[in-house]
Amino acid sequence: MAEDTEAIVAACRAKHPAPCELVSVQTRVGLFVLRSPTTAEHRQFQSGLRDDNMKSEAFRNLFVAICVYPERAETTAKLDAFGGVLAHAKVQNAVGWLTGQLDELLGKSWPAP
């Protein structure tokens, strides 16, 4: 059954209104809708990045925390079955956009207009 991306994103937008940003990412594993992280989530992520042994776990934890579709249990099940999805360029770019890292690399202000 094909997912209706627009309807799913609209439902997620209703639950997470602006100024929360949403990004949808379609991979071969399925559709993921991510929201911008809270300050606490972002600080925890940044803290995990400082430890070389925790970088991949920090990214996974942030991804699970900010993924609003599918539900958490399904998200973790997909990540367990297809761990490489976190290395997908679309996923990396979406998280980079939502955390402001891509803007900083491009010399732009964040959040983007």
PDB file of N, CA and C in Angstrom:
ATOM      1  N   MET A   1       0.837  -1.182   0.000  1.00  0.00           N
ATOM      2  CA  MET A   1       0.000   0.000   0.000  1.00  0.00           C
ATOM      3  C   MET A   1       0.881   1.244   0.000  1.00  0.00           C
ATOM      4  N   ALA A   2       0.695   2.104  -0.972  1.00  0.00           N
ATOM      5  CA  ALA A   2       1.481   3.326  -1.082  1.00  0.00           C
ATOM      6  C   ALA A   2       1.034   4.328  -0.018  1.00  0.00           C
ATOM      7  N   GLU A   3       2.001   5.031   0.507  1.00  0.00           N
ATOM      8  CA  GLU A   3       1.699   6.021   1.526  1.00  0.00           C
ATOM      9  C   GLU A   3       1.303   7.340   0.850  1.00  0.00           C
ATOM     10  N   ASP A   4       0.312   8.013   1.373  1.00  0.00           N
ATOM     11  CA  ASP A   4      -0.094   9.316   0.876  1.00  0.00           C
ATOM     12  C   ASP A   4       0.704  10.366   1.645  1.00  0.00           C
ATOM     13  N   THR A   5       1.830  10.735   1.085  1.00  0.00           N
ATOM     14  CA  THR A   5       2.779  11.615   1.770  1.00  0.00           C
ATOM     15  C   THR A   5       2.133  12.929   2.193  1.00  0.00           C
ATOM     16  N   GLU A   6       1.386  13.559   1.299  1.00  0.00           N
ATOM     17  CA  GLU A   6       0.782  14.856   1.624  1.00  0.00           C
ATOM     18  C   GLU A   6      -0.169  14.755   2.812  1.00  0.00           C
ATOM     19  N   ALA A   7      -0.981  13.717   2.851  1.00  0.00           N
ATOM     20  CA  ALA A   7      -1.932  13.542   3.954  1.00  0.00           C
ATOM     21  C   ALA A   7      -1.194  13.258   5.263  1.00  0.00           C
ATOM     22  N   ILE A   8      -0.156  12.465   5.188  1.00  0.00           N
ATOM     23  CA  ILE A   8       0.622  12.143   6.397  1.00  0.00           C
ATOM     24  C   ILE A   8       1.295  13.394   6.938  1.00  0.00           C
ATOM     25  N   VAL A   9       1.922  14.169   6.054  1.00  0.00           N
ATOM     26  CA  VAL A   9       2.590  15.401   6.488  1.00  0.00           C
ATOM     27  C   VAL A   9       1.573  16.395   7.041  1.00  0.00           C
ATOM     28  N   ALA A  10       0.403  16.491   6.421  1.00  0.00           N
ATOM     29  CA  ALA A  10      -0.646  17.395   6.921  1.00  0.00           C
ATOM     30  C   ALA A  10      -1.097  16.981   8.318  1.00  0.00           C
ATOM     31  N   ALA A  11      -1.242  15.689   8.551  1.00  0.00           N
ATOM     32  CA  ALA A  11      -1.625  15.203   9.886  1.00  0.00           C
ATOM     33  C   ALA A  11      -0.533  15.511  10.902  1.00  0.00           C
ATOM     34  N   CYS A  12       0.706  15.355  10.498  1.00  0.00           N
ATOM     35  CA  CYS A  12       1.830  15.667  11.398  1.00  0.00           C
ATOM     36  C   CYS A  12       1.895  17.158  11.675  1.00  0.00           C
ATOM     37  N   ARG A  13       1.620  17.976  10.646  1.00  0.00           N
ATOM     38  CA  ARG A  13       1.627  19.433  10.810  1.00  0.00           C
ATOM     39  C   ARG A  13       0.544  19.862  11.801  1.00  0.00           C
ATOM     40  N   ALA A  14      -0.595  19.186  11.797  1.00  0.00           N
ATOM     41  CA  ALA A  14      -1.668  19.515  12.742  1.00  0.00           C
ATOM     42  C   ALA A  14      -1.235  19.248  14.179  1.00  0.00           C
ATOM     43  N   LYS A  15      -0.431  18.211  14.376  1.00  0.00           N
ATOM     44  CA  LYS A  15       0.057  17.870  15.719  1.00  0.00           C
ATOM     45  C   LYS A  15       1.252  18.720  16.133  1.00  0.00           C
ATOM     46  N   HIS A  16       2.002  19.224  15.156  1.00  0.00           N
ATOM     47  CA  HIS A  16       3.229  19.991  15.415  1.00  0.00           C
ATOM     48  C   HIS A  16       3.204  21.279  14.597  1.00  0.00           C
ATOM     49  N   PRO A  17       2.406  22.267  15.040  1.00  0.00           N
ATOM     50  CA  PRO A  17       2.269  23.508  14.265  1.00  0.00           C
ATOM     51  C   PRO A  17       3.535  24.369  14.301  1.00  0.00           C
ATOM     52  N   ALA A  18       3.587  25.342  13.403  1.00  0.00           N
ATOM     53  CA  ALA A  18       4.700  26.295  13.378  1.00  0.00           C
ATOM     54  C   ALA A  18       4.815  26.932  14.758  1.00  0.00           C
ATOM     55  N   PRO A  19       5.995  27.254  15.196  1.00  0.00           N
ATOM     56  CA  PRO A  19       7.234  27.354  14.447  1.00  0.00           C
ATOM     57  C   PRO A  19       8.010  26.039  14.289  1.00  0.00           C
ATOM     58  N   CYS A  20       7.447  24.938  14.700  1.00  0.00           N
ATOM     59  CA  CYS A  20       8.103  23.647  14.539  1.00  0.00           C
ATOM     60  C   CYS A  20       8.246  23.347  13.044  1.00  0.00           C
ATOM     61  N   GLU A  21       9.454  23.031  12.622  1.00  0.00           N
ATOM     62  CA  GLU A  21       9.672  22.681  11.217  1.00  0.00           C
ATOM     63  C   GLU A  21       9.491  21.183  11.036  1.00  0.00           C
ATOM     64  N   LEU A  22       8.964  20.794   9.889  1.00  0.00           N
ATOM     65  CA  LEU A  22       8.819  19.384   9.542  1.00  0.00           C
ATOM     66  C   LEU A  22       9.511  19.119   8.214  1.00  0.00           C
ATOM     67  N   VAL A  23      10.145  17.963   8.129  1.00  0.00           N
ATOM     68  CA  VAL A  23      10.770  17.519   6.888  1.00  0.00           C
ATOM     69  C   VAL A  23      10.370  16.068   6.684  1.00  0.00           C
ATOM     70  N   SER A  24       9.899  15.756   5.464  1.00  0.00           N
ATOM     71  CA  SER A  24       9.588  14.362   5.156  1.00  0.00           C
ATOM     72  C   SER A  24      10.716  13.782   4.313  1.00  0.00           C
ATOM     73  N   VAL A  25      11.040  12.528   4.589  1.00  0.00           N
ATOM     74  CA  VAL A  25      12.126  11.841   3.901  1.00  0.00           C
ATOM     75  C   VAL A  25      11.606  10.490   3.429  1.00  0.00           C
ATOM     76  N   GLN A  26      11.616  10.278   2.118  1.00  0.00           N
ATOM     77  CA  GLN A  26      11.196   9.004   1.548  1.00  0.00           C
ATOM     78  C   GLN A  26      12.450   8.183   1.239  1.00  0.00           C
ATOM     79  N   THR A  27      12.536   7.002   1.829  1.00  0.00           N
ATOM     80  CA  THR A  27      13.637   6.079   1.556  1.00  0.00           C
ATOM     81  C   THR A  27      13.024   4.756   1.107  1.00  0.00           C
ATOM     82  N   ARG A  28      13.860   3.807   0.719  1.00  0.00           N
ATOM     83  CA  ARG A  28      13.328   2.502   0.320  1.00  0.00           C
ATOM     84  C   ARG A  28      12.719   1.774   1.514  1.00  0.00           C
ATOM     85  N   VAL A  29      13.098   2.169   2.716  1.00  0.00           N
ATOM     86  CA  VAL A  29      12.560   1.581   3.942  1.00  0.00           C
ATOM     87  C   VAL A  29      11.163   2.117   4.227  1.00  0.00           C
ATOM     88  N   GLY A  30      10.888   3.325   3.763  1.00  0.00           N
ATOM     89  CA  GLY A  30       9.593   3.936   3.997  1.00  0.00           C
ATOM     90  C   GLY A  30       9.706   5.432   4.191  1.00  0.00           C
ATOM     91  N   LEU A  31       8.591   6.033   4.520  1.00  0.00           N
ATOM     92  CA  LEU A  31       8.514   7.466   4.753  1.00  0.00           C
ATOM     93  C   LEU A  31       8.780   7.765   6.218  1.00  0.00           C
ATOM     94  N   PHE A  32       9.575   8.805   6.456  1.00  0.00           N
ATOM     95  CA  PHE A  32       9.814   9.315   7.802  1.00  0.00           C
ATOM     96  C   PHE A  32       9.491  10.804   7.779  1.00  0.00           C
ATOM     97  N   VAL A  33       8.789  11.285   8.806  1.00  0.00           N
ATOM     98  CA  VAL A  33       8.544  12.714   8.968  1.00  0.00           C
ATOM     99  C   VAL A  33       9.246  13.128  10.254  1.00  0.00           C
ATOM    100  N   LEU A  34      10.134  14.103  10.126  1.00  0.00           N
ATOM    101  CA  LEU A  34      10.945  14.564  11.248  1.00  0.00           C
ATOM    102  C   LEU A  34      10.561  15.995  11.599  1.00  0.00           C
ATOM    103  N   ARG A  35      10.629  16.307  12.885  1.00  0.00           N
ATOM    104  CA  ARG A  35      10.361  17.666  13.360  1.00  0.00           C
ATOM    105  C   ARG A  35      11.660  18.273  13.875  1.00  0.00           C
ATOM    106  N   SER A  36      11.682  19.569  14.017  1.00  0.00           N
ATOM    107  CA  SER A  36      12.861  20.212  14.577  1.00  0.00           C
ATOM    108  C   SER A  36      13.021  19.803  16.042  1.00  0.00           C
ATOM    109  N   PRO A  37      14.253  19.607  16.487  1.00  0.00           N
ATOM    110  CA  PRO A  37      14.476  19.171  17.869  1.00  0.00           C
ATOM    111  C   PRO A  37      14.262  20.306  18.871  1.00  0.00           C
ATOM    112  N   THR A  38      13.914  19.914  20.083  1.00  0.00           N
ATOM    113  CA  THR A  38      13.835  20.887  21.174  1.00  0.00           C
ATOM    114  C   THR A  38      15.255  21.247  21.592  1.00  0.00           C
ATOM    115  N   THR A  39      15.380  22.268  22.384  1.00  0.00           N
ATOM    116  CA  THR A  39      16.703  22.669  22.869  1.00  0.00           C
ATOM    117  C   THR A  39      17.353  21.539  23.655  1.00  0.00           C
ATOM    118  N   ALA A  40      16.597  20.881  24.509  1.00  0.00           N
ATOM    119  CA  ALA A  40      17.148  19.776  25.308  1.00  0.00           C
ATOM    120  C   ALA A  40      17.600  18.620  24.419  1.00  0.00           C
ATOM    121  N   GLU A  41      16.800  18.285  23.407  1.00  0.00           N
ATOM    122  CA  GLU A  41      17.179  17.203  22.486  1.00  0.00           C
ATOM    123  C   GLU A  41      18.444  17.557  21.716  1.00  0.00           C
ATOM    124  N   HIS A  42      18.531  18.813  21.290  1.00  0.00           N
ATOM    125  CA  HIS A  42      19.707  19.243  20.531  1.00  0.00           C
ATOM    126  C   HIS A  42      20.956  19.248  21.416  1.00  0.00           C
ATOM    127  N   ARG A  43      20.820  19.690  22.652  1.00  0.00           N
ATOM    128  CA  ARG A  43      21.973  19.683  23.573  1.00  0.00           C
ATOM    129  C   ARG A  43      22.455  18.262  23.843  1.00  0.00           C
ATOM    130  N   GLN A  44      21.522  17.344  24.028  1.00  0.00           N
ATOM    131  CA  GLN A  44      21.892  15.950  24.261  1.00  0.00           C
ATOM    132  C   GLN A  44      22.603  15.383  23.030  1.00  0.00           C
ATOM    133  N   PHE A  45      22.111  15.712  21.845  1.00  0.00           N
ATOM    134  CA  PHE A  45      22.729  15.286  20.602  1.00  0.00           C
ATOM    135  C   PHE A  45      24.154  15.834  20.488  1.00  0.00           C
ATOM    136  N   GLN A  46      24.318  17.125  20.735  1.00  0.00           N
ATOM    137  CA  GLN A  46      25.645  17.745  20.663  1.00  0.00           C
ATOM    138  C   GLN A  46      26.606  17.142  21.672  1.00  0.00           C
ATOM    139  N   SER A  47      26.106  16.829  22.855  1.00  0.00           N
ATOM    140  CA  SER A  47      26.924  16.189  23.878  1.00  0.00           C
ATOM    141  C   SER A  47      27.400  14.816  23.405  1.00  0.00           C
ATOM    142  N   GLY A  48      26.516  14.055  22.784  1.00  0.00           N
ATOM    143  CA  GLY A  48      26.874  12.742  22.271  1.00  0.00           C
ATOM    144  C   GLY A  48      27.889  12.813  21.152  1.00  0.00           C
ATOM    145  N   LEU A  49      27.849  13.889  20.355  1.00  0.00           N
ATOM    146  CA  LEU A  49      28.803  14.039  19.251  1.00  0.00           C
ATOM    147  C   LEU A  49      30.220  14.276  19.733  1.00  0.00           C
ATOM    148  N   ARG A  50      30.363  14.787  20.940  1.00  0.00           N
ATOM    149  CA  ARG A  50      31.699  15.052  21.485  1.00  0.00           C
ATOM    150  C   ARG A  50      32.444  13.768  21.842  1.00  0.00           C
ATOM    151  N   ASP A  51      31.714  12.691  22.032  1.00  0.00           N
ATOM    152  CA  ASP A  51      32.302  11.391  22.366  1.00  0.00           C
ATOM    153  C   ASP A  51      32.349  10.539  21.103  1.00  0.00           C
ATOM    154  N   ASP A  52      33.562  10.258  20.607  1.00  0.00           N
ATOM    155  CA  ASP A  52      33.708   9.500  19.362  1.00  0.00           C
ATOM    156  C   ASP A  52      33.005   8.149  19.413  1.00  0.00           C
ATOM    157  N   ASN A  53      32.934   7.551  20.585  1.00  0.00           N
ATOM    158  CA  ASN A  53      32.286   6.243  20.724  1.00  0.00           C
ATOM    159  C   ASN A  53      30.766   6.325  20.715  1.00  0.00           C
ATOM    160  N   MET A  54      30.221   7.529  20.851  1.00  0.00           N
ATOM    161  CA  MET A  54      28.772   7.697  20.961  1.00  0.00           C
ATOM    162  C   MET A  54      28.141   8.413  19.764  1.00  0.00           C
ATOM    163  N   LYS A  55      28.939   8.793  18.759  1.00  0.00           N
ATOM    164  CA  LYS A  55      28.400   9.592  17.653  1.00  0.00           C
ATOM    165  C   LYS A  55      27.231   8.920  16.942  1.00  0.00           C
ATOM    166  N   SER A  56      27.396   7.658  16.587  1.00  0.00           N
ATOM    167  CA  SER A  56      26.310   7.002  15.860  1.00  0.00           C
ATOM    168  C   SER A  56      25.092   6.807  16.754  1.00  0.00           C
ATOM    169  N   GLU A  57      25.319   6.516  18.018  1.00  0.00           N
ATOM    170  CA  GLU A  57      24.200   6.348  18.955  1.00  0.00           C
ATOM    171  C   GLU A  57      23.490   7.688  19.189  1.00  0.00           C
ATOM    172  N   ALA A  58      24.256   8.774  19.232  1.00  0.00           N
ATOM    173  CA  ALA A  58      23.669  10.102  19.412  1.00  0.00           C
ATOM    174  C   ALA A  58      22.767  10.443  18.230  1.00  0.00           C
ATOM    175  N   PHE A  59      23.219  10.105  17.018  1.00  0.00           N
ATOM    176  CA  PHE A  59      22.418  10.385  15.829  1.00  0.00           C
ATOM    177  C   PHE A  59      21.145   9.542  15.837  1.00  0.00           C
ATOM    178  N   ARG A  60      21.275   8.277  16.175  1.00  0.00           N
ATOM    179  CA  ARG A  60      20.096   7.395  16.235  1.00  0.00           C
ATOM    180  C   ARG A  60      19.098   7.897  17.273  1.00  0.00           C
ATOM    181  N   ASN A  61      19.593   8.260  18.463  1.00  0.00           N
ATOM    182  CA  ASN A  61      18.713   8.748  19.528  1.00  0.00           C
ATOM    183  C   ASN A  61      17.976  10.014  19.098  1.00  0.00           C
ATOM    184  N   LEU A  62      18.694  10.926  18.436  1.00  0.00           N
ATOM    185  CA  LEU A  62      18.044  12.149  17.970  1.00  0.00           C
ATOM    186  C   LEU A  62      17.003  11.820  16.914  1.00  0.00           C
ATOM    187  N   PHE A  63      17.349  10.950  15.977  1.00  0.00           N
ATOM    188  CA  PHE A  63      16.416  10.578  14.915  1.00  0.00           C
ATOM    189  C   PHE A  63      15.133  10.015  15.510  1.00  0.00           C
ATOM    190  N   VAL A  64      15.253   9.104  16.447  1.00  0.00           N
ATOM    191  CA  VAL A  64      14.066   8.502  17.071  1.00  0.00           C
ATOM    192  C   VAL A  64      13.260   9.570  17.823  1.00  0.00           C
ATOM    193  N   ALA A  65      13.950  10.484  18.484  1.00  0.00           N
ATOM    194  CA  ALA A  65      13.258  11.524  19.261  1.00  0.00           C
ATOM    195  C   ALA A  65      12.483  12.490  18.371  1.00  0.00           C
ATOM    196  N   ILE A  66      13.018  12.829  17.197  1.00  0.00           N
ATOM    197  CA  ILE A  66      12.373  13.841  16.355  1.00  0.00           C
ATOM    198  C   ILE A  66      11.494  13.253  15.255  1.00  0.00           C
ATOM    199  N   CYS A  67      11.464  11.945  15.153  1.00  0.00           N
ATOM    200  CA  CYS A  67      10.628  11.300  14.135  1.00  0.00           C
ATOM    201  C   CYS A  67       9.177  11.267  14.632  1.00  0.00           C
ATOM    202  N   VAL A  68       8.297  11.964  13.916  1.00  0.00           N
ATOM    203  CA  VAL A  68       6.883  12.009  14.310  1.00  0.00           C
ATOM    204  C   VAL A  68       6.035  11.045  13.486  1.00  0.00           C
ATOM    205  N   TYR A  69       6.604  10.512  12.409  1.00  0.00           N
ATOM    206  CA  TYR A  69       5.947   9.483  11.623  1.00  0.00           C
ATOM    207  C   TYR A  69       7.015   8.594  11.027  1.00  0.00           C
ATOM    208  N   PRO A  70       6.919   7.287  11.176  1.00  0.00           N
ATOM    209  CA  PRO A  70       5.882   6.530  11.870  1.00  0.00           C
ATOM    210  C   PRO A  70       6.039   6.633  13.394  1.00  0.00           C
ATOM    211  N   GLU A  71       5.169   5.971  14.117  1.00  0.00           N
ATOM    212  CA  GLU A  71       5.240   5.971  15.582  1.00  0.00           C
ATOM    213  C   GLU A  71       6.594   5.418  16.031  1.00  0.00           C
ATOM    214  N   ARG A  72       6.972   5.741  17.258  1.00  0.00           N
ATOM    215  CA  ARG A  72       8.288   5.384  17.790  1.00  0.00           C
ATOM    216  C   ARG A  72       8.605   3.890  17.671  1.00  0.00           C
ATOM    217  N   ALA A  73       7.670   3.025  18.018  1.00  0.00           N
ATOM    218  CA  ALA A  73       7.927   1.579  17.970  1.00  0.00           C
ATOM    219  C   ALA A  73       8.246   1.126  16.548  1.00  0.00           C
ATOM    220  N   GLU A  74       7.489   1.638  15.582  1.00  0.00           N
ATOM    221  CA  GLU A  74       7.735   1.271  14.186  1.00  0.00           C
ATOM    222  C   GLU A  74       9.047   1.862  13.689  1.00  0.00           C
ATOM    223  N   THR A  75       9.351   3.072  14.111  1.00  0.00           N
ATOM    224  CA  THR A  75      10.617   3.707  13.724  1.00  0.00           C
ATOM    225  C   THR A  75      11.795   2.894  14.222  1.00  0.00           C
ATOM    226  N   THR A  76      11.782   2.530  15.498  1.00  0.00           N
ATOM    227  CA  THR A  76      12.911   1.752  16.037  1.00  0.00           C
ATOM    228  C   THR A  76      12.988   0.375  15.390  1.00  0.00           C
ATOM    229  N   ALA A  77      11.838  -0.228  15.078  1.00  0.00           N
ATOM    230  CA  ALA A  77      11.843  -1.528  14.404  1.00  0.00           C
ATOM    231  C   ALA A  77      12.474  -1.405  13.016  1.00  0.00           C
ATOM    232  N   LYS A  78      12.140  -0.339  12.296  1.00  0.00           N
ATOM    233  CA  LYS A  78      12.739  -0.126  10.980  1.00  0.00           C
ATOM    234  C   LYS A  78      14.238   0.120  11.084  1.00  0.00           C
ATOM    235  N   LEU A  79      14.650   0.880  12.087  1.00  0.00           N
ATOM    236  CA  LEU A  79      16.081   1.137  12.268  1.00  0.00           C
ATOM    237  C   LEU A  79      16.828  -0.133  12.655  1.00  0.00           C
ATOM    238  N   ASP A  80      16.203  -0.981  13.457  1.00  0.00           N
ATOM    239  CA  ASP A  80      16.823  -2.248  13.833  1.00  0.00           C
ATOM    240  C   ASP A  80      16.971  -3.167  12.625  1.00  0.00           C
ATOM    241  N   ALA A  81      15.967  -3.168  11.759  1.00  0.00           N
ATOM    242  CA  ALA A  81      15.990  -4.036  10.581  1.00  0.00           C
ATOM    243  C   ALA A  81      16.860  -3.475   9.462  1.00  0.00           C
ATOM    244  N   PHE A  82      16.899  -2.155   9.339  1.00  0.00           N
ATOM    245  CA  PHE A  82      17.632  -1.493   8.257  1.00  0.00           C
ATOM    246  C   PHE A  82      18.503  -0.385   8.837  1.00  0.00           C
ATOM    247  N   GLY A  83      19.512  -0.757   9.595  1.00  0.00           N
ATOM    248  CA  GLY A  83      20.371   0.216  10.279  1.00  0.00           C
ATOM    249  C   GLY A  83      21.036   1.214   9.358  1.00  0.00           C
ATOM    250  N   GLY A  84      21.274   0.828   8.121  1.00  0.00           N
ATOM    251  CA  GLY A  84      21.941   1.712   7.178  1.00  0.00           C
ATOM    252  C   GLY A  84      21.118   2.901   6.740  1.00  0.00           C
ATOM    253  N   VAL A  85      19.823   2.904   7.049  1.00  0.00           N
ATOM    254  CA  VAL A  85      18.976   4.024   6.629  1.00  0.00           C
ATOM    255  C   VAL A  85      19.467   5.341   7.231  1.00  0.00           C
ATOM    256  N   LEU A  86      20.090   5.289   8.391  1.00  0.00           N
ATOM    257  CA  LEU A  86      20.590   6.518   9.020  1.00  0.00           C
ATOM    258  C   LEU A  86      21.778   7.107   8.264  1.00  0.00           C
ATOM    259  N   ALA A  87      22.445   6.299   7.455  1.00  0.00           N
ATOM    260  CA  ALA A  87      23.572   6.783   6.658  1.00  0.00           C
ATOM    261  C   ALA A  87      23.117   7.335   5.310  1.00  0.00           C
ATOM    262  N   HIS A  88      21.842   7.206   4.997  1.00  0.00           N
ATOM    263  CA  HIS A  88      21.302   7.677   3.725  1.00  0.00           C
ATOM    264  C   HIS A  88      21.461   9.199   3.656  1.00  0.00           C
ATOM    265  N   ALA A  89      21.888   9.689   2.502  1.00  0.00           N
ATOM    266  CA  ALA A  89      22.128  11.130   2.336  1.00  0.00           C
ATOM    267  C   ALA A  89      20.879  11.962   2.624  1.00  0.00           C
ATOM    268  N   LYS A  90      19.703  11.475   2.218  1.00  0.00           N
ATOM    269  CA  LYS A  90      18.462  12.221   2.471  1.00  0.00           C
ATOM    270  C   LYS A  90      18.214  12.377   3.967  1.00  0.00           C
ATOM    271  N   VAL A  91      18.470  11.307   4.711  1.00  0.00           N
ATOM    272  CA  VAL A  91      18.255  11.340   6.162  1.00  0.00           C
ATOM    273  C   VAL A  91      19.268  12.287   6.812  1.00  0.00           C
ATOM    274  N   GLN A  92      20.521  12.172   6.421  1.00  0.00           N
ATOM    275  CA  GLN A  92      21.570  13.045   6.968  1.00  0.00           C
ATOM    276  C   GLN A  92      21.259  14.518   6.678  1.00  0.00           C
ATOM    277  N   ASN A  93      20.834  14.803   5.448  1.00  0.00           N
ATOM    278  CA  ASN A  93      20.512  16.186   5.077  1.00  0.00           C
ATOM    279  C   ASN A  93      19.304  16.716   5.841  1.00  0.00           C
ATOM    280  N   ALA A  94      18.298  15.888   6.034  1.00  0.00           N
ATOM    281  CA  ALA A  94      17.105  16.319   6.773  1.00  0.00           C
ATOM    282  C   ALA A  94      17.457  16.664   8.216  1.00  0.00           C
ATOM    283  N   VAL A  95      18.222  15.809   8.864  1.00  0.00           N
ATOM    284  CA  VAL A  95      18.620  16.078  10.252  1.00  0.00           C
ATOM    285  C   VAL A  95      19.536  17.298  10.300  1.00  0.00           C
ATOM    286  N   GLY A  96      20.442  17.408   9.349  1.00  0.00           N
ATOM    287  CA  GLY A  96      21.322  18.577   9.287  1.00  0.00           C
ATOM    288  C   GLY A  96      20.548  19.870   9.121  1.00  0.00           C
ATOM    289  N   TRP A  97      19.492  19.836   8.304  1.00  0.00           N
ATOM    290  CA  TRP A  97      18.643  21.015   8.114  1.00  0.00           C
ATOM    291  C   TRP A  97      17.918  21.377   9.408  1.00  0.00           C
ATOM    292  N   LEU A  98      17.320  20.383  10.044  1.00  0.00           N
ATOM    293  CA  LEU A  98      16.519  20.630  11.244  1.00  0.00           C
ATOM    294  C   LEU A  98      17.350  21.059  12.441  1.00  0.00           C
ATOM    295  N   THR A  99      18.607  20.645  12.494  1.00  0.00           N
ATOM    296  CA  THR A  99      19.476  21.040  13.602  1.00  0.00           C
ATOM    297  C   THR A  99      20.255  22.307  13.304  1.00  0.00           C
ATOM    298  N   GLY A 100      20.126  22.821  12.071  1.00  0.00           N
ATOM    299  CA  GLY A 100      20.823  24.051  11.701  1.00  0.00           C
ATOM    300  C   GLY A 100      22.252  23.843  11.242  1.00  0.00           C
ATOM    301  N   GLN A 101      22.720  22.611  11.217  1.00  0.00           N
ATOM    302  CA  GLN A 101      24.109  22.352  10.843  1.00  0.00           C
ATOM    303  C   GLN A 101      24.382  22.675   9.378  1.00  0.00           C
ATOM    304  N   LEU A 102      23.453  22.382   8.485  1.00  0.00           N
ATOM    305  CA  LEU A 102      23.667  22.680   7.068  1.00  0.00           C
ATOM    306  C   LEU A 102      23.723  24.179   6.831  1.00  0.00           C
ATOM    307  N   ASP A 103      22.864  24.928   7.514  1.00  0.00           N
ATOM    308  CA  ASP A 103      22.879  26.376   7.365  1.00  0.00           C
ATOM    309  C   ASP A 103      24.211  26.957   7.806  1.00  0.00           C
ATOM    310  N   GLU A 104      24.732  26.466   8.918  1.00  0.00           N
ATOM    311  CA  GLU A 104      26.003  26.967   9.423  1.00  0.00           C
ATOM    312  C   GLU A 104      27.136  26.677   8.444  1.00  0.00           C
ATOM    313  N   LEU A 105      27.107  25.492   7.836  1.00  0.00           N
ATOM    314  CA  LEU A 105      28.134  25.152   6.856  1.00  0.00           C
ATOM    315  C   LEU A 105      28.058  26.050   5.629  1.00  0.00           C
ATOM    316  N   LEU A 106      26.836  26.460   5.282  1.00  0.00           N
ATOM    317  CA  LEU A 106      26.649  27.325   4.118  1.00  0.00           C
ATOM    318  C   LEU A 106      26.736  28.811   4.458  1.00  0.00           C
ATOM    319  N   GLY A 107      26.962  29.117   5.746  1.00  0.00           N
ATOM    320  CA  GLY A 107      27.083  30.508   6.174  1.00  0.00           C
ATOM    321  C   GLY A 107      25.759  31.238   6.233  1.00  0.00           C
ATOM    322  N   LYS A 108      24.658  30.504   6.375  1.00  0.00           N
ATOM    323  CA  LYS A 108      23.341  31.127   6.442  1.00  0.00           C
ATOM    324  C   LYS A 108      22.870  31.216   7.885  1.00  0.00           C
ATOM    325  N   SER A 109      21.933  32.108   8.120  1.00  0.00           N
ATOM    326  CA  SER A 109      21.372  32.224   9.461  1.00  0.00           C
ATOM    327  C   SER A 109      20.362  31.118   9.678  1.00  0.00           C
ATOM    328  N   TRP A 110      20.125  30.770  10.914  1.00  0.00           N
ATOM    329  CA  TRP A 110      19.177  29.704  11.253  1.00  0.00           C
ATOM    330  C   TRP A 110      18.252  30.215  12.330  1.00  0.00           C
ATOM    331  N   PRO A 111      16.998  29.923  12.332  1.00  0.00           N
ATOM    332  CA  PRO A 111      16.306  29.073  11.365  1.00  0.00           C
ATOM    333  C   PRO A 111      16.148  29.789  10.034  1.00  0.00           C
ATOM    334  N   ALA A 112      16.032  29.018   8.979  1.00  0.00           N
ATOM    335  CA  ALA A 112      15.885  29.569   7.647  1.00  0.00           C
ATOM    336  C   ALA A 112      14.530  30.237   7.520  1.00  0.00           C
ATOM    337  N   PRO A 113      14.445  31.259   6.697  1.00  0.00           N
ATOM    338  CA  PRO A 113      13.153  31.948   6.519  1.00  0.00           C
ATOM    339  C   PRO A 113      12.113  31.059   5.879  1.00  0.00           C
TER     340      PRO A 113
END
